[in-house]
Amino acid sequence: MSDDITLVNDQSFKSEVADYKGFVLVDFWAEWCGPCKSLMPRIERLAKDKRGKIKICKFDIDEGTEVPGKYGIQSIPTLIIFQDGKEIARKIGAINSLSDWVDSEISQ
């Protein structure tokens, strides 16, 4: 996994996402999820392309249930963009136009 991606869990979510000043994309995923695996190269490319503009995090739902429960994660992959700790956008599924979606959300 790319050094540009931060792994988060129930314990680190507050410091890495909720308390972060700026934009954060969190990819809720699981190792056994086919669509999650197909999305990974796009997430890695996005992390490199948007370095300094948006922090990219991955949350393995098998590693914790508190945060996914709090945000109502029922399907994976679910991508949520946070700004200063508040959810501003959400997509469910392995979307192809990931970079375009992120650009449209963080440029508003």
PDB file of N, CA and C in Angstrom:
ATOM      1  N   MET A   1       0.848  -1.183   0.000  1.00  0.00           N
ATOM      2  CA  MET A   1       0.000   0.000   0.000  1.00  0.00           C
ATOM      3  C   MET A   1       0.892   1.245   0.000  1.00  0.00           C
ATOM      4  N   SER A   2       0.427   2.269  -0.643  1.00  0.00           N
ATOM      5  CA  SER A   2       1.169   3.515  -0.797  1.00  0.00           C
ATOM      6  C   SER A   2       1.429   4.209   0.540  1.00  0.00           C
ATOM      7  N   ASP A   3       2.581   4.861   0.635  1.00  0.00           N
ATOM      8  CA  ASP A   3       2.905   5.658   1.823  1.00  0.00           C
ATOM      9  C   ASP A   3       2.003   6.878   1.938  1.00  0.00           C
ATOM     10  N   ASP A   4       1.294   7.226   0.849  1.00  0.00           N
ATOM     11  CA  ASP A   4       0.399   8.379   0.839  1.00  0.00           C
ATOM     12  C   ASP A   4      -0.964   8.062   1.450  1.00  0.00           C
ATOM     13  N   ILE A   5      -1.164   6.807   1.870  1.00  0.00           N
ATOM     14  CA  ILE A   5      -2.450   6.379   2.435  1.00  0.00           C
ATOM     15  C   ILE A   5      -2.261   6.047   3.911  1.00  0.00           C
ATOM     16  N   THR A   6      -3.161   6.566   4.748  1.00  0.00           N
ATOM     17  CA  THR A   6      -3.119   6.331   6.184  1.00  0.00           C
ATOM     18  C   THR A   6      -4.167   5.290   6.553  1.00  0.00           C
ATOM     19  N   LEU A   7      -3.736   4.232   7.228  1.00  0.00           N
ATOM     20  CA  LEU A   7      -4.674   3.225   7.720  1.00  0.00           C
ATOM     21  C   LEU A   7      -5.250   3.725   9.037  1.00  0.00           C
ATOM     22  N   VAL A   8      -6.580   3.684   9.148  1.00  0.00           N
ATOM     23  CA  VAL A   8      -7.230   4.120  10.378  1.00  0.00           C
ATOM     24  C   VAL A   8      -8.126   3.015  10.911  1.00  0.00           C
ATOM     25  N   ASN A   9      -8.420   3.099  12.212  1.00  0.00           N
ATOM     26  CA  ASN A   9      -9.309   2.142  12.875  1.00  0.00           C
ATOM     27  C   ASN A   9     -10.117   2.902  13.919  1.00  0.00           C
ATOM     28  N   ASP A  10     -10.870   2.171  14.721  1.00  0.00           N
ATOM     29  CA  ASP A  10     -11.706   2.823  15.732  1.00  0.00           C
ATOM     30  C   ASP A  10     -10.882   3.717  16.663  1.00  0.00           C
ATOM     31  N   GLN A  11      -9.660   3.288  16.998  1.00  0.00           N
ATOM     32  CA  GLN A  11      -8.840   4.034  17.942  1.00  0.00           C
ATOM     33  C   GLN A  11      -8.213   5.285  17.317  1.00  0.00           C
ATOM     34  N   SER A  12      -7.824   5.214  16.048  1.00  0.00           N
ATOM     35  CA  SER A  12      -7.103   6.335  15.428  1.00  0.00           C
ATOM     36  C   SER A  12      -7.997   7.272  14.612  1.00  0.00           C
ATOM     37  N   PHE A  13      -9.251   6.916  14.413  1.00  0.00           N
ATOM     38  CA  PHE A  13     -10.139   7.706  13.555  1.00  0.00           C
ATOM     39  C   PHE A  13     -10.284   9.144  14.045  1.00  0.00           C
ATOM     40  N   LYS A  14     -10.430   9.329  15.336  1.00  0.00           N
ATOM     41  CA  LYS A  14     -10.627  10.684  15.868  1.00  0.00           C
ATOM     42  C   LYS A  14      -9.429  11.576  15.535  1.00  0.00           C
ATOM     43  N   SER A  15      -8.228  11.099  15.835  1.00  0.00           N
ATOM     44  CA  SER A  15      -7.051  11.942  15.607  1.00  0.00           C
ATOM     45  C   SER A  15      -6.727  12.100  14.125  1.00  0.00           C
ATOM     46  N   GLU A  16      -6.929  11.061  13.326  1.00  0.00           N
ATOM     47  CA  GLU A  16      -6.549  11.099  11.912  1.00  0.00           C
ATOM     48  C   GLU A  16      -7.616  11.724  11.008  1.00  0.00           C
ATOM     49  N   VAL A  17      -8.882  11.646  11.411  1.00  0.00           N
ATOM     50  CA  VAL A  17      -9.971  12.115  10.541  1.00  0.00           C
ATOM     51  C   VAL A  17     -10.821  13.185  11.231  1.00  0.00           C
ATOM     52  N   ALA A  18     -11.452  12.831  12.345  1.00  0.00           N
ATOM     53  CA  ALA A  18     -12.421  13.730  12.982  1.00  0.00           C
ATOM     54  C   ALA A  18     -11.789  15.041  13.451  1.00  0.00           C
ATOM     55  N   ASP A  19     -10.549  14.994  13.933  1.00  0.00           N
ATOM     56  CA  ASP A  19      -9.887  16.207  14.415  1.00  0.00           C
ATOM     57  C   ASP A  19      -9.000  16.870  13.362  1.00  0.00           C
ATOM     58  N   TYR A  20      -8.938  16.301  12.156  1.00  0.00           N
ATOM     59  CA  TYR A  20      -8.056  16.814  11.100  1.00  0.00           C
ATOM     60  C   TYR A  20      -8.639  18.077  10.483  1.00  0.00           C
ATOM     61  N   LYS A  21      -7.805  19.092  10.324  1.00  0.00           N
ATOM     62  CA  LYS A  21      -8.232  20.339   9.684  1.00  0.00           C
ATOM     63  C   LYS A  21      -7.893  20.245   8.201  1.00  0.00           C
ATOM     64  N   GLY A  22      -8.924  20.172   7.390  1.00  0.00           N
ATOM     65  CA  GLY A  22      -8.742  20.027   5.952  1.00  0.00           C
ATOM     66  C   GLY A  22      -9.622  18.906   5.442  1.00  0.00           C
ATOM     67  N   PHE A  23      -9.331  18.478   4.219  1.00  0.00           N
ATOM     68  CA  PHE A  23     -10.118  17.430   3.573  1.00  0.00           C
ATOM     69  C   PHE A  23      -9.504  16.058   3.814  1.00  0.00           C
ATOM     70  N   VAL A  24     -10.389  15.078   4.070  1.00  0.00           N
ATOM     71  CA  VAL A  24      -9.970  13.683   4.231  1.00  0.00           C
ATOM     72  C   VAL A  24     -10.960  12.806   3.477  1.00  0.00           C
ATOM     73  N   LEU A  25     -10.433  11.877   2.677  1.00  0.00           N
ATOM     74  CA  LEU A  25     -11.257  10.849   2.048  1.00  0.00           C
ATOM     75  C   LEU A  25     -11.023   9.563   2.814  1.00  0.00           C
ATOM     76  N   VAL A  26     -12.094   8.948   3.304  1.00  0.00           N
ATOM     77  CA  VAL A  26     -11.988   7.663   3.988  1.00  0.00           C
ATOM     78  C   VAL A  26     -12.645   6.601   3.121  1.00  0.00           C
ATOM     79  N   ASP A  27     -11.874   5.562   2.821  1.00  0.00           N
ATOM     80  CA  ASP A  27     -12.353   4.404   2.066  1.00  0.00           C
ATOM     81  C   ASP A  27     -12.653   3.300   3.077  1.00  0.00           C
ATOM     82  N   PHE A  28     -13.933   3.015   3.288  1.00  0.00           N
ATOM     83  CA  PHE A  28     -14.341   1.899   4.148  1.00  0.00           C
ATOM     84  C   PHE A  28     -14.351   0.656   3.267  1.00  0.00           C
ATOM     85  N   TRP A  29     -13.577  -0.353   3.634  1.00  0.00           N
ATOM     86  CA  TRP A  29     -13.344  -1.507   2.772  1.00  0.00           C
ATOM     87  C   TRP A  29     -13.112  -2.759   3.608  1.00  0.00           C
ATOM     88  N   ALA A  30     -12.904  -3.886   2.923  1.00  0.00           N
ATOM     89  CA  ALA A  30     -12.500  -5.137   3.567  1.00  0.00           C
ATOM     90  C   ALA A  30     -11.664  -5.937   2.581  1.00  0.00           C
ATOM     91  N   GLU A  31     -10.752  -6.724   3.106  1.00  0.00           N
ATOM     92  CA  GLU A  31      -9.836  -7.527   2.292  1.00  0.00           C
ATOM     93  C   GLU A  31     -10.592  -8.491   1.366  1.00  0.00           C
ATOM     94  N   TRP A  32     -11.713  -9.025   1.815  1.00  0.00           N
ATOM     95  CA  TRP A  32     -12.458 -10.032   1.060  1.00  0.00           C
ATOM     96  C   TRP A  32     -13.384  -9.428   0.000  1.00  0.00           C
ATOM     97  N   CYS A  33     -13.445  -8.114  -0.081  1.00  0.00           N
ATOM     98  CA  CYS A  33     -14.392  -7.417  -0.966  1.00  0.00           C
ATOM     99  C   CYS A  33     -13.775  -7.191  -2.355  1.00  0.00           C
ATOM    100  N   GLY A  34     -14.329  -7.853  -3.366  1.00  0.00           N
ATOM    101  CA  GLY A  34     -13.839  -7.714  -4.739  1.00  0.00           C
ATOM    102  C   GLY A  34     -13.867  -6.281  -5.261  1.00  0.00           C
ATOM    103  N   PRO A  35     -15.012  -5.588  -5.174  1.00  0.00           N
ATOM    104  CA  PRO A  35     -15.051  -4.198  -5.637  1.00  0.00           C
ATOM    105  C   PRO A  35     -14.062  -3.298  -4.886  1.00  0.00           C
ATOM    106  N   CYS A  36     -13.828  -3.592  -3.615  1.00  0.00           N
ATOM    107  CA  CYS A  36     -12.851  -2.809  -2.833  1.00  0.00           C
ATOM    108  C   CYS A  36     -11.452  -2.987  -3.422  1.00  0.00           C
ATOM    109  N   LYS A  37     -11.119  -4.227  -3.768  1.00  0.00           N
ATOM    110  CA  LYS A  37      -9.803  -4.507  -4.353  1.00  0.00           C
ATOM    111  C   LYS A  37      -9.660  -3.830  -5.713  1.00  0.00           C
ATOM    112  N   SER A  38     -10.730  -3.811  -6.501  1.00  0.00           N
ATOM    113  CA  SER A  38     -10.648  -3.177  -7.817  1.00  0.00           C
ATOM    114  C   SER A  38     -10.501  -1.662  -7.714  1.00  0.00           C
ATOM    115  N   LEU A  39     -10.961  -1.096  -6.616  1.00  0.00           N
ATOM    116  CA  LEU A  39     -10.863   0.345  -6.392  1.00  0.00           C
ATOM    117  C   LEU A  39      -9.469   0.766  -5.911  1.00  0.00           C
ATOM    118  N   MET A  40      -8.715  -0.162  -5.345  1.00  0.00           N
ATOM    119  CA  MET A  40      -7.439   0.164  -4.708  1.00  0.00           C
ATOM    120  C   MET A  40      -6.459   0.908  -5.626  1.00  0.00           C
ATOM    121  N   PRO A  41      -6.245   0.495  -6.870  1.00  0.00           N
ATOM    122  CA  PRO A  41      -5.306   1.250  -7.715  1.00  0.00           C
ATOM    123  C   PRO A  41      -5.740   2.701  -7.926  1.00  0.00           C
ATOM    124  N   ARG A  42      -7.034   2.946  -8.011  1.00  0.00           N
ATOM    125  CA  ARG A  42      -7.528   4.316  -8.171  1.00  0.00           C
ATOM    126  C   ARG A  42      -7.317   5.133  -6.901  1.00  0.00           C
ATOM    127  N   ILE A  43      -7.490   4.485  -5.742  1.00  0.00           N
ATOM    128  CA  ILE A  43      -7.247   5.153  -4.458  1.00  0.00           C
ATOM    129  C   ILE A  43      -5.763   5.525  -4.351  1.00  0.00           C
ATOM    130  N   GLU A  44      -4.883   4.595  -4.725  1.00  0.00           N
ATOM    131  CA  GLU A  44      -3.443   4.857  -4.648  1.00  0.00           C
ATOM    132  C   GLU A  44      -3.039   5.992  -5.592  1.00  0.00           C
ATOM    133  N   ARG A  45      -3.584   5.984  -6.795  1.00  0.00           N
ATOM    134  CA  ARG A  45      -3.284   7.043  -7.772  1.00  0.00           C
ATOM    135  C   ARG A  45      -3.796   8.394  -7.258  1.00  0.00           C
ATOM    136  N   LEU A  46      -5.001   8.390  -6.695  1.00  0.00           N
ATOM    137  CA  LEU A  46      -5.581   9.606  -6.141  1.00  0.00           C
ATOM    138  C   LEU A  46      -4.706  10.151  -5.004  1.00  0.00           C
ATOM    139  N   ALA A  47      -4.217   9.273  -4.153  1.00  0.00           N
ATOM    140  CA  ALA A  47      -3.373   9.692  -3.034  1.00  0.00           C
ATOM    141  C   ALA A  47      -2.114  10.396  -3.532  1.00  0.00           C
ATOM    142  N   LYS A  48      -1.536   9.895  -4.608  1.00  0.00           N
ATOM    143  CA  LYS A  48      -0.346  10.534  -5.177  1.00  0.00           C
ATOM    144  C   LYS A  48      -0.697  11.850  -5.862  1.00  0.00           C
ATOM    145  N   ASP A  49      -1.757  11.830  -6.671  1.00  0.00           N
ATOM    146  CA  ASP A  49      -2.142  13.014  -7.452  1.00  0.00           C
ATOM    147  C   ASP A  49      -2.623  14.170  -6.585  1.00  0.00           C
ATOM    148  N   LYS A  50      -3.253  13.869  -5.475  1.00  0.00           N
ATOM    149  CA  LYS A  50      -3.868  14.906  -4.629  1.00  0.00           C
ATOM    150  C   LYS A  50      -3.081  15.169  -3.348  1.00  0.00           C
ATOM    151  N   ARG A  51      -1.829  14.686  -3.292  1.00  0.00           N
ATOM    152  CA  ARG A  51      -0.994  14.889  -2.108  1.00  0.00           C
ATOM    153  C   ARG A  51      -0.959  16.383  -1.764  1.00  0.00           C
ATOM    154  N   GLY A  52      -1.247  16.701  -0.512  1.00  0.00           N
ATOM    155  CA  GLY A  52      -1.261  18.083  -0.066  1.00  0.00           C
ATOM    156  C   GLY A  52      -2.616  18.762  -0.194  1.00  0.00           C
ATOM    157  N   LYS A  53      -3.532  18.141  -0.943  1.00  0.00           N
ATOM    158  CA  LYS A  53      -4.872  18.717  -1.118  1.00  0.00           C
ATOM    159  C   LYS A  53      -5.921  17.982  -0.302  1.00  0.00           C
ATOM    160  N   ILE A  54      -5.751  16.651  -0.200  1.00  0.00           N
ATOM    161  CA  ILE A  54      -6.697  15.825   0.553  1.00  0.00           C
ATOM    162  C   ILE A  54      -5.939  14.633   1.131  1.00  0.00           C
ATOM    163  N   LYS A  55      -6.214  14.340   2.378  1.00  0.00           N
ATOM    164  CA  LYS A  55      -5.609  13.192   3.051  1.00  0.00           C
ATOM    165  C   LYS A  55      -6.441  11.962   2.695  1.00  0.00           C
ATOM    166  N   ILE A  56      -5.780  10.864   2.372  1.00  0.00           N
ATOM    167  CA  ILE A  56      -6.474   9.628   2.003  1.00  0.00           C
ATOM    168  C   ILE A  56      -6.280   8.595   3.113  1.00  0.00           C
ATOM    169  N   CYS A  57      -7.393   8.057   3.612  1.00  0.00           N
ATOM    170  CA  CYS A  57      -7.369   7.045   4.671  1.00  0.00           C
ATOM    171  C   CYS A  57      -8.176   5.829   4.235  1.00  0.00           C
ATOM    172  N   LYS A  58      -7.769   4.665   4.759  1.00  0.00           N
ATOM    173  CA  LYS A  58      -8.524   3.433   4.540  1.00  0.00           C
ATOM    174  C   LYS A  58      -8.901   2.857   5.899  1.00  0.00           C
ATOM    175  N   PHE A  59     -10.158   2.432   6.011  1.00  0.00           N
ATOM    176  CA  PHE A  59     -10.673   1.842   7.244  1.00  0.00           C
ATOM    177  C   PHE A  59     -11.179   0.443   6.925  1.00  0.00           C
ATOM    178  N   ASP A  60     -10.478  -0.585   7.412  1.00  0.00           N
ATOM    179  CA  ASP A  60     -10.879  -1.977   7.215  1.00  0.00           C
ATOM    180  C   ASP A  60     -12.016  -2.278   8.195  1.00  0.00           C
ATOM    181  N   ILE A  61     -13.211  -2.511   7.669  1.00  0.00           N
ATOM    182  CA  ILE A  61     -14.371  -2.717   8.546  1.00  0.00           C
ATOM    183  C   ILE A  61     -14.264  -3.974   9.401  1.00  0.00           C
ATOM    184  N   ASP A  62     -13.354  -4.881   9.046  1.00  0.00           N
ATOM    185  CA  ASP A  62     -13.132  -6.064   9.872  1.00  0.00           C
ATOM    186  C   ASP A  62     -12.235  -5.757  11.070  1.00  0.00           C
ATOM    187  N   GLU A  63     -11.627  -4.566  11.090  1.00  0.00           N
ATOM    188  CA  GLU A  63     -10.725  -4.167  12.168  1.00  0.00           C
ATOM    189  C   GLU A  63     -11.423  -3.313  13.222  1.00  0.00           C
ATOM    190  N   GLY A  64     -12.668  -2.948  12.977  1.00  0.00           N
ATOM    191  CA  GLY A  64     -13.394  -2.137  13.944  1.00  0.00           C
ATOM    192  C   GLY A  64     -14.825  -1.918  13.500  1.00  0.00           C
ATOM    193  N   THR A  65     -15.726  -1.800  14.462  1.00  0.00           N
ATOM    194  CA  THR A  65     -17.146  -1.648  14.136  1.00  0.00           C
ATOM    195  C   THR A  65     -17.747  -0.342  14.636  1.00  0.00           C
ATOM    196  N   GLU A  66     -17.060   0.328  15.552  1.00  0.00           N
ATOM    197  CA  GLU A  66     -17.608   1.541  16.153  1.00  0.00           C
ATOM    198  C   GLU A  66     -17.796   2.653  15.112  1.00  0.00           C
ATOM    199  N   VAL A  67     -16.738   2.987  14.386  1.00  0.00           N
ATOM    200  CA  VAL A  67     -16.805   4.062  13.396  1.00  0.00           C
ATOM    201  C   VAL A  67     -17.747   3.711  12.234  1.00  0.00           C
ATOM    202  N   PRO A  68     -17.621   2.514  11.639  1.00  0.00           N
ATOM    203  CA  PRO A  68     -18.579   2.182  10.575  1.00  0.00           C
ATOM    204  C   PRO A  68     -20.030   2.240  11.050  1.00  0.00           C
ATOM    205  N   GLY A  69     -20.282   1.834  12.281  1.00  0.00           N
ATOM    206  CA  GLY A  69     -21.633   1.917  12.833  1.00  0.00           C
ATOM    207  C   GLY A  69     -22.087   3.353  12.980  1.00  0.00           C
ATOM    208  N   LYS A  70     -21.209   4.202  13.470  1.00  0.00           N
ATOM    209  CA  LYS A  70     -21.536   5.614  13.671  1.00  0.00           C
ATOM    210  C   LYS A  70     -21.912   6.283  12.353  1.00  0.00           C
ATOM    211  N   TYR A  71     -21.240   5.897  11.266  1.00  0.00           N
ATOM    212  CA  TYR A  71     -21.492   6.525   9.968  1.00  0.00           C
ATOM    213  C   TYR A  71     -22.443   5.714   9.082  1.00  0.00           C
ATOM    214  N   GLY A  72     -23.056   4.685   9.641  1.00  0.00           N
ATOM    215  CA  GLY A  72     -24.075   3.927   8.924  1.00  0.00           C
ATOM    216  C   GLY A  72     -23.552   3.188   7.700  1.00  0.00           C
ATOM    217  N   ILE A  73     -22.334   2.667   7.791  1.00  0.00           N
ATOM    218  CA  ILE A  73     -21.755   1.934   6.666  1.00  0.00           C
ATOM    219  C   ILE A  73     -22.447   0.579   6.562  1.00  0.00           C
ATOM    220  N   GLN A  74     -23.179   0.374   5.465  1.00  0.00           N
ATOM    221  CA  GLN A  74     -23.896  -0.881   5.262  1.00  0.00           C
ATOM    222  C   GLN A  74     -23.409  -1.635   4.044  1.00  0.00           C
ATOM    223  N   SER A  75     -22.742  -0.940   3.132  1.00  0.00           N
ATOM    224  CA  SER A  75     -22.183  -1.559   1.927  1.00  0.00           C
ATOM    225  C   SER A  75     -20.758  -1.065   1.763  1.00  0.00           C
ATOM    226  N   ILE A  76     -19.927  -1.920   1.188  1.00  0.00           N
ATOM    227  CA  ILE A  76     -18.556  -1.494   0.900  1.00  0.00           C
ATOM    228  C   ILE A  76     -18.239  -1.787  -0.561  1.00  0.00           C
ATOM    229  N   PRO A  77     -17.374  -1.022  -1.164  1.00  0.00           N
ATOM    230  CA  PRO A  77     -16.711   0.126  -0.577  1.00  0.00           C
ATOM    231  C   PRO A  77     -17.660   1.317  -0.419  1.00  0.00           C
ATOM    232  N   THR A  78     -17.466   2.053   0.664  1.00  0.00           N
ATOM    233  CA  THR A  78     -18.124   3.345   0.873  1.00  0.00           C
ATOM    234  C   THR A  78     -17.018   4.370   1.043  1.00  0.00           C
ATOM    235  N   LEU A  79     -17.117   5.437   0.282  1.00  0.00           N
ATOM    236  CA  LEU A  79     -16.132   6.522   0.334  1.00  0.00           C
ATOM    237  C   LEU A  79     -16.807   7.750   0.913  1.00  0.00           C
ATOM    238  N   ILE A  80     -16.191   8.328   1.935  1.00  0.00           N
ATOM    239  CA  ILE A  80     -16.728   9.537   2.554  1.00  0.00           C
ATOM    240  C   ILE A  80     -15.646  10.605   2.550  1.00  0.00           C
ATOM    241  N   ILE A  81     -16.028  11.798   2.109  1.00  0.00           N
ATOM    242  CA  ILE A  81     -15.132  12.940   2.195  1.00  0.00           C
ATOM    243  C   ILE A  81     -15.551  13.777   3.405  1.00  0.00           C
ATOM    244  N   PHE A  82     -14.567  14.079   4.241  1.00  0.00           N
ATOM    245  CA  PHE A  82     -14.764  14.925   5.409  1.00  0.00           C
ATOM    246  C   PHE A  82     -14.022  16.236   5.191  1.00  0.00           C
ATOM    247  N   GLN A  83     -14.599  17.313   5.695  1.00  0.00           N
ATOM    248  CA  GLN A  83     -13.908  18.595   5.739  1.00  0.00           C
ATOM    249  C   GLN A  83     -13.935  19.067   7.182  1.00  0.00           C
ATOM    250  N   ASP A  84     -12.754  19.246   7.759  1.00  0.00           N
ATOM    251  CA  ASP A  84     -12.637  19.652   9.160  1.00  0.00           C
ATOM    252  C   ASP A  84     -13.477  18.759  10.074  1.00  0.00           C
ATOM    253  N   GLY A  85     -13.455  17.453   9.801  1.00  0.00           N
ATOM    254  CA  GLY A  85     -14.126  16.469  10.651  1.00  0.00           C
ATOM    255  C   GLY A  85     -15.594  16.241  10.379  1.00  0.00           C
ATOM    256  N   LYS A  86     -16.167  16.975   9.421  1.00  0.00           N
ATOM    257  CA  LYS A  86     -17.594  16.819   9.111  1.00  0.00           C
ATOM    258  C   LYS A  86     -17.764  16.200   7.727  1.00  0.00           C
ATOM    259  N   GLU A  87     -18.674  15.225   7.631  1.00  0.00           N
ATOM    260  CA  GLU A  87     -18.940  14.588   6.343  1.00  0.00           C
ATOM    261  C   GLU A  87     -19.549  15.603   5.377  1.00  0.00           C
ATOM    262  N   ILE A  88     -18.972  15.678   4.171  1.00  0.00           N
ATOM    263  CA  ILE A  88     -19.521  16.572   3.152  1.00  0.00           C
ATOM    264  C   ILE A  88     -19.987  15.832   1.902  1.00  0.00           C
ATOM    265  N   ALA A  89     -19.539  14.581   1.712  1.00  0.00           N
ATOM    266  CA  ALA A  89     -19.944  13.823   0.522  1.00  0.00           C
ATOM    267  C   ALA A  89     -19.732  12.339   0.765  1.00  0.00           C
ATOM    268  N   ARG A  90     -20.531  11.528   0.045  1.00  0.00           N
ATOM    269  CA  ARG A  90     -20.452  10.070   0.196  1.00  0.00           C
ATOM    270  C   ARG A  90     -20.767   9.405  -1.133  1.00  0.00           C
ATOM    271  N   LYS A  91     -20.024   8.349  -1.429  1.00  0.00           N
ATOM    272  CA  LYS A  91     -20.283   7.495  -2.600  1.00  0.00           C
ATOM    273  C   LYS A  91     -20.194   6.048  -2.148  1.00  0.00           C
ATOM    274  N   ILE A  92     -21.060   5.231  -2.707  1.00  0.00           N
ATOM    275  CA  ILE A  92     -21.043   3.803  -2.403  1.00  0.00           C
ATOM    276  C   ILE A  92     -20.754   3.052  -3.692  1.00  0.00           C
ATOM    277  N   GLY A  93     -19.794   2.125  -3.623  1.00  0.00           N
ATOM    278  CA  GLY A  93     -19.438   1.326  -4.794  1.00  0.00           C
ATOM    279  C   GLY A  93     -18.099   1.761  -5.364  1.00  0.00           C
ATOM    280  N   ALA A  94     -17.595   0.945  -6.282  1.00  0.00           N
ATOM    281  CA  ALA A  94     -16.287   1.192  -6.904  1.00  0.00           C
ATOM    282  C   ALA A  94     -16.468   2.141  -8.083  1.00  0.00           C
ATOM    283  N   ILE A  95     -16.481   3.418  -7.818  1.00  0.00           N
ATOM    284  CA  ILE A  95     -16.736   4.409  -8.860  1.00  0.00           C
ATOM    285  C   ILE A  95     -15.506   4.590  -9.750  1.00  0.00           C
ATOM    286  N   ASN A  96     -15.761   4.803 -11.037  1.00  0.00           N
ATOM    287  CA  ASN A  96     -14.682   4.971 -12.003  1.00  0.00           C
ATOM    288  C   ASN A  96     -14.117   6.379 -11.995  1.00  0.00           C
ATOM    289  N   SER A  97     -14.963   7.363 -11.824  1.00  0.00           N
ATOM    290  CA  SER A  97     -14.547   8.765 -11.920  1.00  0.00           C
ATOM    291  C   SER A  97     -14.178   9.318 -10.547  1.00  0.00           C
ATOM    292  N   LEU A  98     -13.364   8.596  -9.816  1.00  0.00           N
ATOM    293  CA  LEU A  98     -13.007   8.954  -8.443  1.00  0.00           C
ATOM    294  C   LEU A  98     -12.363  10.335  -8.365  1.00  0.00           C
ATOM    295  N   SER A  99     -11.400  10.594  -9.208  1.00  0.00           N
ATOM    296  CA  SER A  99     -10.693  11.872  -9.178  1.00  0.00           C
ATOM    297  C   SER A  99     -11.638  13.029  -9.496  1.00  0.00           C
ATOM    298  N   ASP A 100     -12.503  12.853 -10.481  1.00  0.00           N
ATOM    299  CA  ASP A 100     -13.464  13.904 -10.838  1.00  0.00           C
ATOM    300  C   ASP A 100     -14.408  14.194  -9.676  1.00  0.00           C
ATOM    301  N   TRP A 101     -14.880  13.130  -9.026  1.00  0.00           N
ATOM    302  CA  TRP A 101     -15.788  13.299  -7.889  1.00  0.00           C
ATOM    303  C   TRP A 101     -15.098  14.074  -6.760  1.00  0.00           C
ATOM    304  N   VAL A 102     -13.884  13.652  -6.417  1.00  0.00           N
ATOM    305  CA  VAL A 102     -13.141  14.332  -5.347  1.00  0.00           C
ATOM    306  C   VAL A 102     -12.919  15.792  -5.711  1.00  0.00           C
ATOM    307  N   ASP A 103     -12.478  16.049  -6.940  1.00  0.00           N
ATOM    308  CA  ASP A 103     -12.249  17.441  -7.378  1.00  0.00           C
ATOM    309  C   ASP A 103     -13.507  18.284  -7.228  1.00  0.00           C
ATOM    310  N   SER A 104     -14.645  17.732  -7.624  1.00  0.00           N
ATOM    311  CA  SER A 104     -15.890  18.501  -7.556  1.00  0.00           C
ATOM    312  C   SER A 104     -16.290  18.798  -6.112  1.00  0.00           C
ATOM    313  N   GLU A 105     -15.974  17.898  -5.206  1.00  0.00           N
ATOM    314  CA  GLU A 105     -16.351  18.083  -3.795  1.00  0.00           C
ATOM    315  C   GLU A 105     -15.419  19.018  -3.039  1.00  0.00           C
ATOM    316  N   ILE A 106     -14.132  18.969  -3.331  1.00  0.00           N
ATOM    317  CA  ILE A 106     -13.198  19.779  -2.548  1.00  0.00           C
ATOM    318  C   ILE A 106     -12.957  21.162  -3.149  1.00  0.00           C
ATOM    319  N   SER A 107     -13.530  21.421  -4.316  1.00  0.00           N
ATOM    320  CA  SER A 107     -13.344  22.736  -4.933  1.00  0.00           C
ATOM    321  C   SER A 107     -14.522  23.668  -4.683  1.00  0.00           C
ATOM    322  N   GLN A 108     -15.497  23.218  -3.922  1.00  0.00           N
ATOM    323  CA  GLN A 108     -16.680  24.033  -3.682  1.00  0.00           C
ATOM    324  C   GLN A 108     -16.424  25.101  -2.648  1.00  0.00           C
TER     325      GLN A 108
END
